[in-house]
């Protein structure tokens, strides 16, 4: 797939050239690196997403688990 970006502001183009030079890459290589990093980041779950999924499981908290263990022990 080929992509094209039109009307890139001069300051952005200059920054991209400088970034590519610092990384010893061509502008094309630097753009590919930026795109790959952005895609990889969007695939990773955020801490908020993980927390929401854990909450949906309705697992017992440490305090609740301790209360269950104590109640079981007290029944003996």
C-alpha atoms as a PDB file:
ATOM      1  CA  UNK A   1       0.000   0.000   0.000  1.00  0.00           C
ATOM      2  CA  UNK A   2       1.248   3.471  -0.785  1.00  0.00           C
ATOM      3  CA  UNK A   3       0.260   6.505   1.264  1.00  0.00           C
ATOM      4  CA  UNK A   4       0.573  10.158   0.412  1.00  0.00           C
ATOM      5  CA  UNK A   5       0.298  13.185   2.691  1.00  0.00           C
ATOM      6  CA  UNK A   6      -0.328  16.504   0.978  1.00  0.00           C
ATOM      7  CA  UNK A   7       0.228  20.038   2.219  1.00  0.00           C
ATOM      8  CA  UNK A   8       2.557  19.153   5.086  1.00  0.00           C
ATOM      9  CA  UNK A   9       3.413  22.383   6.924  1.00  0.00           C
ATOM     10  CA  UNK A  10       7.064  23.422   6.625  1.00  0.00           C
ATOM     11  CA  UNK A  11       7.722  23.148  10.376  1.00  0.00           C
ATOM     12  CA  UNK A  12       6.378  19.558  10.400  1.00  0.00           C
ATOM     13  CA  UNK A  13       8.424  18.586   7.341  1.00  0.00           C
ATOM     14  CA  UNK A  14      11.549  20.126   8.899  1.00  0.00           C
ATOM     15  CA  UNK A  15      10.933  18.298  12.175  1.00  0.00           C
ATOM     16  CA  UNK A  16      10.450  15.026  10.311  1.00  0.00           C
ATOM     17  CA  UNK A  17      13.700  15.494   8.372  1.00  0.00           C
ATOM     18  CA  UNK A  18      15.564  16.235  11.613  1.00  0.00           C
ATOM     19  CA  UNK A  19      14.011  13.255  13.382  1.00  0.00           C
ATOM     20  CA  UNK A  20      14.896  10.954  10.475  1.00  0.00           C
ATOM     21  CA  UNK A  21      18.485  12.218  10.482  1.00  0.00           C
ATOM     22  CA  UNK A  22      18.838  11.632  14.247  1.00  0.00           C
ATOM     23  CA  UNK A  23      17.596   8.062  13.758  1.00  0.00           C
ATOM     24  CA  UNK A  24      19.845   7.508  10.710  1.00  0.00           C
ATOM     25  CA  UNK A  25      16.780   6.789   8.582  1.00  0.00           C
ATOM     26  CA  UNK A  26      15.293   8.109   5.399  1.00  0.00           C
ATOM     27  CA  UNK A  27      12.129  10.172   5.721  1.00  0.00           C
ATOM     28  CA  UNK A  28      10.253   7.133   4.383  1.00  0.00           C
ATOM     29  CA  UNK A  29      11.839   4.906   7.033  1.00  0.00           C
ATOM     30  CA  UNK A  30      11.072   7.401   9.787  1.00  0.00           C
ATOM     31  CA  UNK A  31       7.443   7.669   8.702  1.00  0.00           C
ATOM     32  CA  UNK A  32       7.150   3.872   8.710  1.00  0.00           C
ATOM     33  CA  UNK A  33       8.618   3.755  12.220  1.00  0.00           C
ATOM     34  CA  UNK A  34       6.149   6.389  13.460  1.00  0.00           C
ATOM     35  CA  UNK A  35       3.181   4.586  11.893  1.00  0.00           C
ATOM     36  CA  UNK A  36       4.253   1.187  13.273  1.00  0.00           C
ATOM     37  CA  UNK A  37       4.662   2.619  16.777  1.00  0.00           C
ATOM     38  CA  UNK A  38       1.237   4.278  16.604  1.00  0.00           C
ATOM     39  CA  UNK A  39      -0.455   1.064  15.484  1.00  0.00           C
ATOM     40  CA  UNK A  40       1.287  -1.039  18.136  1.00  0.00           C
ATOM     41  CA  UNK A  41       0.312   1.432  20.852  1.00  0.00           C
ATOM     42  CA  UNK A  42      -3.344   1.412  19.842  1.00  0.00           C
ATOM     43  CA  UNK A  43      -3.452  -2.408  20.088  1.00  0.00           C
ATOM     44  CA  UNK A  44      -2.259  -2.465  23.690  1.00  0.00           C
ATOM     45  CA  UNK A  45      -4.908  -2.341  26.375  1.00  0.00           C
ATOM     46  CA  UNK A  46      -4.727   0.648  28.672  1.00  0.00           C
ATOM     47  CA  UNK A  47      -4.620   0.282  32.437  1.00  0.00           C
ATOM     48  CA  UNK A  48      -8.170   1.663  32.512  1.00  0.00           C
ATOM     49  CA  UNK A  49      -9.376  -1.019  30.063  1.00  0.00           C
ATOM     50  CA  UNK A  50      -7.738  -3.793  32.080  1.00  0.00           C
ATOM     51  CA  UNK A  51      -9.264  -2.465  35.302  1.00  0.00           C
ATOM     52  CA  UNK A  52     -12.724  -2.324  33.710  1.00  0.00           C
ATOM     53  CA  UNK A  53     -12.389  -5.923  32.506  1.00  0.00           C
ATOM     54  CA  UNK A  54     -11.264  -7.122  35.936  1.00  0.00           C
ATOM     55  CA  UNK A  55     -14.185  -5.309  37.588  1.00  0.00           C
ATOM     56  CA  UNK A  56     -16.615  -6.992  35.188  1.00  0.00           C
ATOM     57  CA  UNK A  57     -15.335 -10.368  36.423  1.00  0.00           C
ATOM     58  CA  UNK A  58     -16.643  -9.432  39.896  1.00  0.00           C
ATOM     59  CA  UNK A  59     -13.722 -11.080  41.628  1.00  0.00           C
ATOM     60  CA  UNK A  60     -13.461 -10.876  45.382  1.00  0.00           C
ATOM     61  CA  UNK A  61     -11.176  -8.220  46.801  1.00  0.00           C
ATOM     62  CA  UNK A  62      -8.463  -9.054  49.293  1.00  0.00           C
ATOM     63  CA  UNK A  63     -10.677  -7.915  52.186  1.00  0.00           C
ATOM     64  CA  UNK A  64     -13.635  -9.963  50.945  1.00  0.00           C
ATOM     65  CA  UNK A  65     -11.473 -13.041  50.477  1.00  0.00           C
ATOM     66  CA  UNK A  66     -10.078 -12.622  53.997  1.00  0.00           C
ATOM     67  CA  UNK A  67     -13.599 -12.365  55.433  1.00  0.00           C
ATOM     68  CA  UNK A  68     -14.612 -15.561  53.609  1.00  0.00           C
ATOM     69  CA  UNK A  69     -11.561 -17.402  54.975  1.00  0.00           C
ATOM     70  CA  UNK A  70     -12.204 -16.168  58.520  1.00  0.00           C
ATOM     71  CA  UNK A  71     -15.876 -17.157  58.357  1.00  0.00           C
ATOM     72  CA  UNK A  72     -14.902 -20.607  57.134  1.00  0.00           C
ATOM     73  CA  UNK A  73     -12.317 -20.960  59.898  1.00  0.00           C
ATOM     74  CA  UNK A  74     -14.820 -19.809  62.541  1.00  0.00           C
ATOM     75  CA  UNK A  75     -17.327 -22.457  61.438  1.00  0.00           C
ATOM     76  CA  UNK A  76     -14.880 -25.228  62.329  1.00  0.00           C
END
